[in-house]
């Protein structure tokens, strides 16, 4: 896959897609290009079945310092009226749609049919925390810190953190962090379960994450995709609904194929070799007409 992105570098190796934010001098802030490039990149990896896991990391001092406000001036704000006759309701409706577009960018990580691992160093601030909470698991370095920054600039966070972080850490802690906007550091994040593990250095973290990602990539991709689907569904539904969902999923997806590969490999004392997921070529209908 050729890299054609300005905010990200991409390398796919051993069935793992390494997506790296590459604007270290700007602390990997989220400019206009970021918001369109990320979902395109993630959805393409997911749809093409070109990898079985995504590792999201960054370069430089900070993982992500959040929204690049300099790139969102009032002069080019799509919610500004195009004529004096545009009434306030239309402007508000347009602003609502823009927020949904920003939410889609973050949610693309959660909607990918493969797991996403975030590897965090330095600041994970505002929109950066939105990113991290939308991934399947988080690892960080000992100097990392997190911040629900939006309250410090006079707004409620609206792109995903307030919806996802209560599912990850205790609600009382969430409310303290959301109301105060204070920084919380790696040891506290680990203690509350926001991150899986803390590492002494970026190099040590990336080495460990690589091992985890390749272990996931060695499993049956249909089983992994189903597990992510079922975990996400279970988070948002009752136990009874979730049990029904997993029963339907396993019955519908023909899990016996990958099970046969796994059992045969075990009998022969070999590593199983699973087929990749089928690329989602049918999505081309949505891109301006079917392209074959």
Protein backbone atom coordinates (compact mmCIF):
# COMPACT_ATOMS: atom_id res chain seq x y z
CA UNK A 1 0.00 0.00 0.00
CA UNK A 2 1.55 3.31 -1.11
CA UNK A 3 1.71 6.01 1.53
CA UNK A 4 -0.14 9.09 0.28
CA UNK A 5 -0.90 10.69 3.62
CA UNK A 6 0.53 13.87 5.13
CA UNK A 7 -0.19 13.12 8.80
CA UNK A 8 0.66 9.42 8.89
CA UNK A 9 3.33 6.96 7.84
CA UNK A 10 2.25 3.41 7.08
CA UNK A 11 4.17 0.15 7.10
CA UNK A 12 2.63 -3.31 6.88
CA UNK A 13 4.82 -6.16 8.09
CA UNK A 14 3.95 -9.68 9.23
CA UNK A 15 0.24 -8.89 8.89
CA UNK A 16 0.54 -5.88 11.24
CA UNK A 17 -0.19 -2.36 9.98
CA UNK A 18 1.98 0.23 11.74
CA UNK A 19 0.19 3.58 11.46
CA UNK A 20 2.45 6.34 12.79
CA UNK A 21 1.52 9.98 13.28
CA UNK A 22 4.38 11.86 11.65
CA UNK A 23 4.13 15.55 12.57
CA UNK A 24 6.39 15.59 15.65
CA UNK A 25 7.28 19.29 15.37
CA UNK A 26 3.56 20.09 15.69
CA UNK A 27 3.15 17.54 18.50
CA UNK A 28 0.99 15.49 16.11
CA UNK A 29 -1.90 17.88 16.48
CA UNK A 30 -5.03 17.07 14.52
CA UNK A 31 -5.18 19.45 11.56
CA UNK A 32 -7.77 19.38 8.79
CA UNK A 33 -5.95 16.70 6.82
CA UNK A 34 -5.78 14.47 9.90
CA UNK A 35 -9.55 14.26 10.21
CA UNK A 36 -10.01 13.05 6.63
CA UNK A 37 -6.87 10.93 6.34
CA UNK A 38 -7.31 8.78 9.44
CA UNK A 39 -10.69 7.20 8.59
CA UNK A 40 -9.64 6.70 4.98
CA UNK A 41 -6.44 4.97 6.09
CA UNK A 42 -8.03 2.80 8.78
CA UNK A 43 -11.01 1.81 6.65
CA UNK A 44 -8.76 0.95 3.71
CA UNK A 45 -6.58 -1.33 5.85
CA UNK A 46 -9.67 -2.95 7.34
CA UNK A 47 -11.51 -3.32 4.04
CA UNK A 48 -8.52 -4.53 2.02
CA UNK A 49 -7.68 -7.21 4.60
CA UNK A 50 -4.08 -6.12 4.08
CA UNK A 51 -3.34 -6.54 7.80
CA UNK A 52 -4.85 -8.31 10.79
CA UNK A 53 -3.92 -5.75 13.47
CA UNK A 54 -3.28 -1.99 13.49
CA UNK A 55 -0.69 -0.40 15.78
CA UNK A 56 -1.30 3.33 16.19
CA UNK A 57 1.73 5.23 17.47
CA UNK A 58 3.45 8.55 16.92
CA UNK A 59 6.76 10.33 16.65
CA UNK A 60 8.41 13.00 18.74
CA UNK A 61 7.77 14.24 22.25
CA UNK A 62 4.00 13.75 22.36
CA UNK A 63 1.57 11.12 21.13
CA UNK A 64 -1.01 13.74 20.17
CA UNK A 65 -1.63 17.22 21.57
CA UNK A 66 -5.21 17.31 20.32
CA UNK A 67 -7.01 19.62 17.92
CA UNK A 68 -4.87 22.01 15.89
CA UNK A 69 -7.02 25.08 16.54
CA UNK A 70 -4.96 27.22 14.16
CA UNK A 71 -6.32 25.12 11.30
CA UNK A 72 -9.94 25.83 12.18
CA UNK A 73 -10.30 29.60 11.91
CA UNK A 74 -13.67 31.32 11.73
CA UNK A 75 -12.90 32.59 8.25
CA UNK A 76 -13.21 29.11 6.74
CA UNK A 77 -15.67 27.61 9.18
CA UNK A 78 -18.36 25.77 7.16
CA UNK A 79 -20.93 26.77 9.77
CA UNK A 80 -20.52 30.44 8.91
CA UNK A 81 -23.40 31.80 6.80
CA UNK A 82 -22.89 31.95 3.05
CA UNK A 83 -25.38 34.78 2.80
CA UNK A 84 -27.10 37.21 5.10
CA UNK A 85 -30.30 35.21 4.63
CA UNK A 86 -28.91 32.08 6.33
CA UNK A 87 -30.78 31.77 9.58
CA UNK A 88 -29.35 30.55 12.86
CA UNK A 89 -31.01 27.14 12.75
CA UNK A 90 -29.29 26.27 9.48
CA UNK A 91 -25.90 27.25 10.88
CA UNK A 92 -26.50 25.12 13.98
CA UNK A 93 -27.58 22.15 11.86
CA UNK A 94 -24.41 22.46 9.75
CA UNK A 95 -22.29 22.60 12.90
CA UNK A 96 -24.02 19.47 14.19
CA UNK A 97 -23.11 17.61 10.98
CA UNK A 98 -19.48 18.71 11.25
CA UNK A 99 -19.28 17.28 14.77
CA UNK A 100 -20.68 13.98 13.49
CA UNK A 101 -17.96 13.93 10.82
CA UNK A 102 -15.27 14.43 13.49
CA UNK A 103 -16.83 11.65 15.57
CA UNK A 104 -16.72 9.37 12.53
CA UNK A 105 -12.95 9.87 12.29
CA UNK A 106 -12.45 8.63 15.85
CA UNK A 107 -15.05 5.88 15.59
CA UNK A 108 -13.31 4.43 12.52
CA UNK A 109 -10.80 2.88 14.93
CA UNK A 110 -13.58 1.16 16.84
CA UNK A 111 -15.45 0.10 13.70
CA UNK A 112 -12.43 -1.47 12.01
CA UNK A 113 -12.95 -5.21 11.76
CA UNK A 114 -9.44 -5.78 13.14
CA UNK A 115 -8.03 -4.83 16.57
CA UNK A 116 -6.28 -1.49 17.03
CA UNK A 117 -3.51 -1.06 19.62
CA UNK A 118 -2.36 2.42 20.68
CA UNK A 119 1.21 3.03 21.88
CA UNK A 120 1.44 6.34 23.73
CA UNK A 121 4.36 8.53 24.75
CA UNK A 122 4.28 12.05 26.17
CA UNK A 123 1.03 13.95 26.01
CA UNK A 124 -2.25 12.32 25.05
CA UNK A 125 -4.39 15.42 25.20
CA UNK A 126 -7.95 16.27 24.15
CA UNK A 127 -8.48 14.66 20.75
CA UNK A 128 -5.50 12.42 21.43
CA UNK A 129 -7.43 10.87 24.30
CA UNK A 130 -10.43 10.47 22.00
CA UNK A 131 -8.16 8.42 19.74
CA UNK A 132 -6.73 6.30 22.54
CA UNK A 133 -10.09 5.44 24.09
CA UNK A 134 -11.41 4.26 20.69
CA UNK A 135 -8.65 1.65 20.37
CA UNK A 136 -8.89 -1.89 21.67
CA UNK A 137 -5.99 -1.57 24.11
CA UNK A 138 -3.51 1.05 25.23
CA UNK A 139 0.15 0.92 26.27
CA UNK A 140 2.26 3.89 27.34
CA UNK A 141 5.68 5.03 28.48
CA UNK A 142 6.35 6.14 32.04
CA UNK A 143 6.43 9.84 31.12
CA UNK A 144 3.07 9.72 29.33
CA UNK A 145 0.19 11.82 30.59
CA UNK A 146 -3.47 12.15 29.66
CA UNK A 147 -5.85 15.10 29.79
CA UNK A 148 -9.52 15.73 29.00
CA UNK A 149 -8.51 19.14 27.71
CA UNK A 150 -11.84 20.36 26.38
CA UNK A 151 -13.10 21.67 29.74
CA UNK A 152 -10.05 23.95 29.86
CA UNK A 153 -11.14 25.71 26.67
CA UNK A 154 -14.77 26.07 27.72
CA UNK A 155 -16.55 23.12 26.18
CA UNK A 156 -17.66 19.57 26.89
CA UNK A 157 -15.63 16.97 25.02
CA UNK A 158 -17.80 15.88 22.09
CA UNK A 159 -15.83 13.45 19.90
CA UNK A 160 -15.82 10.30 22.03
CA UNK A 161 -13.87 10.49 25.29
CA UNK A 162 -16.86 11.14 27.53
CA UNK A 163 -18.71 8.21 25.95
CA UNK A 164 -15.86 5.69 26.03
CA UNK A 165 -13.69 6.42 29.04
CA UNK A 166 -16.47 5.62 31.57
CA UNK A 167 -16.35 2.05 30.18
CA UNK A 168 -12.62 1.91 30.94
CA UNK A 169 -12.09 3.57 34.34
CA UNK A 170 -14.29 4.24 37.41
CA UNK A 171 -17.00 6.85 36.93
CA UNK A 172 -15.96 8.97 39.89
CA UNK A 173 -12.46 9.25 38.46
CA UNK A 174 -13.90 10.08 35.03
CA UNK A 175 -15.95 12.92 36.46
CA UNK A 176 -13.03 14.36 38.39
CA UNK A 177 -10.84 14.35 35.29
CA UNK A 178 -13.59 15.69 33.02
CA UNK A 179 -14.56 18.51 35.40
CA UNK A 180 -11.03 19.59 36.34
CA UNK A 181 -9.13 19.02 33.10
CA UNK A 182 -6.07 18.06 35.10
CA UNK A 183 -3.30 15.87 33.76
CA UNK A 184 -3.18 12.29 34.96
CA UNK A 185 0.02 10.36 34.51
CA UNK A 186 1.03 6.85 33.52
CA UNK A 187 0.99 5.33 37.00
CA UNK A 188 -2.54 6.59 37.66
CA UNK A 189 -3.71 5.50 34.21
CA UNK A 190 -2.34 2.02 34.88
CA UNK A 191 -3.86 1.85 38.35
CA UNK A 192 -7.33 2.65 36.99
CA UNK A 193 -7.04 0.34 33.98
CA UNK A 194 -6.82 2.89 31.19
CA UNK A 195 -3.54 1.38 29.98
CA UNK A 196 -2.49 -2.25 30.00
CA UNK A 197 1.17 -1.69 30.84
CA UNK A 198 3.72 1.09 31.35
CA UNK A 199 7.21 0.93 29.83
CA UNK A 200 10.45 2.74 30.61
CA UNK A 201 11.06 3.88 27.04
CA UNK A 202 9.40 4.28 23.67
CA UNK A 203 11.66 1.60 22.18
CA UNK A 204 10.76 -0.90 24.91
CA UNK A 205 7.07 -0.14 24.45
CA UNK A 206 7.15 -0.59 20.67
CA UNK A 207 9.07 -3.87 20.98
CA UNK A 208 6.47 -5.24 23.39
CA UNK A 209 3.54 -3.99 21.30
CA UNK A 210 5.05 -5.63 18.21
CA UNK A 211 5.10 -8.99 20.02
CA UNK A 212 1.47 -8.61 21.12
CA UNK A 213 0.33 -7.48 17.66
CA UNK A 214 2.06 -10.38 15.91
CA UNK A 215 0.57 -12.83 18.40
CA UNK A 216 -2.91 -11.49 17.59
CA UNK A 217 -2.12 -11.62 13.86
CA UNK A 218 -1.24 -15.31 14.17
CA UNK A 219 -4.79 -16.21 15.27
CA UNK A 220 -7.69 -16.91 12.97
CA UNK A 221 -8.72 -13.53 11.51
CA UNK A 222 -12.38 -14.48 11.40
CA UNK A 223 -12.26 -15.45 15.08
CA UNK A 224 -10.50 -12.18 15.94
CA UNK A 225 -12.99 -10.10 13.92
CA UNK A 226 -15.84 -11.94 15.63
CA UNK A 227 -14.33 -11.43 19.07
CA UNK A 228 -14.01 -7.67 18.49
CA UNK A 229 -17.56 -7.49 17.17
CA UNK A 230 -18.92 -9.44 20.13
CA UNK A 231 -16.96 -7.45 22.74
CA UNK A 232 -18.14 -4.15 21.28
CA UNK A 233 -21.71 -5.37 21.05
CA UNK A 234 -21.62 -6.68 24.61
CA UNK A 235 -20.35 -3.35 25.93
CA UNK A 236 -23.47 -1.62 24.57
CA UNK A 237 -26.14 -4.25 25.26
CA UNK A 238 -27.46 -6.47 28.02
CA UNK A 239 -25.92 -9.84 28.81
CA UNK A 240 -28.97 -11.63 27.42
CA UNK A 241 -28.84 -9.67 24.15
CA UNK A 242 -25.11 -10.26 23.89
CA UNK A 243 -25.43 -14.00 24.43
CA UNK A 244 -28.02 -14.15 21.68
CA UNK A 245 -25.76 -12.09 19.42
CA UNK A 246 -22.71 -14.33 19.85
CA UNK A 247 -24.82 -17.44 19.22
CA UNK A 248 -26.14 -15.95 15.98
CA UNK A 249 -22.70 -14.70 14.96
CA UNK A 250 -20.95 -18.03 15.42
CA UNK A 251 -23.76 -19.90 13.67
CA UNK A 252 -23.79 -17.47 10.74
CA UNK A 253 -20.05 -17.08 10.19
CA UNK A 254 -19.10 -20.73 9.73
CA UNK A 255 -16.47 -20.79 12.44
CA UNK A 256 -15.79 -24.48 11.85
CA UNK A 257 -13.40 -23.62 8.98
CA UNK A 258 -10.84 -21.88 11.17
CA UNK A 259 -11.42 -24.37 13.96
CA UNK A 260 -10.48 -27.18 11.58
CA UNK A 261 -7.25 -25.38 10.63
CA UNK A 262 -6.39 -24.86 14.31
CA UNK A 263 -7.13 -28.47 15.30
CA UNK A 264 -5.22 -29.92 12.35
CA UNK A 265 -2.18 -27.77 13.14
CA UNK A 266 -2.33 -28.87 16.77
CA UNK A 267 -2.44 -32.53 15.81
CA UNK A 268 0.52 -32.06 13.47
CA UNK A 269 2.36 -29.93 16.02
CA UNK A 270 2.68 -27.01 13.60
CA UNK A 271 1.66 -23.38 13.64
CA UNK A 272 -1.72 -22.89 11.96
CA UNK A 273 -1.83 -20.94 8.70
CA UNK A 274 -5.12 -19.11 8.37
CA UNK A 275 -6.54 -17.43 5.29
CA UNK A 276 -6.96 -13.66 5.36
CA UNK A 277 -10.38 -12.08 5.57
CA UNK A 278 -11.99 -11.38 2.21
CA UNK A 279 -11.53 -7.75 1.06
CA UNK A 280 -14.72 -5.70 1.20
CA UNK A 281 -14.87 -4.93 -2.51
CA UNK A 282 -18.61 -4.39 -2.30
CA UNK A 283 -17.96 -1.01 -0.68
CA UNK A 284 -17.01 0.29 -4.12
CA UNK A 285 -20.73 0.79 -4.68
CA UNK A 286 -20.47 3.62 -2.17
CA UNK A 287 -17.54 5.33 -3.93
CA UNK A 288 -19.36 6.71 -6.94
CA UNK A 289 -20.41 3.54 -8.71
CA UNK A 290 -19.33 -0.07 -8.77
CA UNK A 291 -15.75 -0.52 -10.05
CA UNK A 292 -15.52 -4.29 -10.33
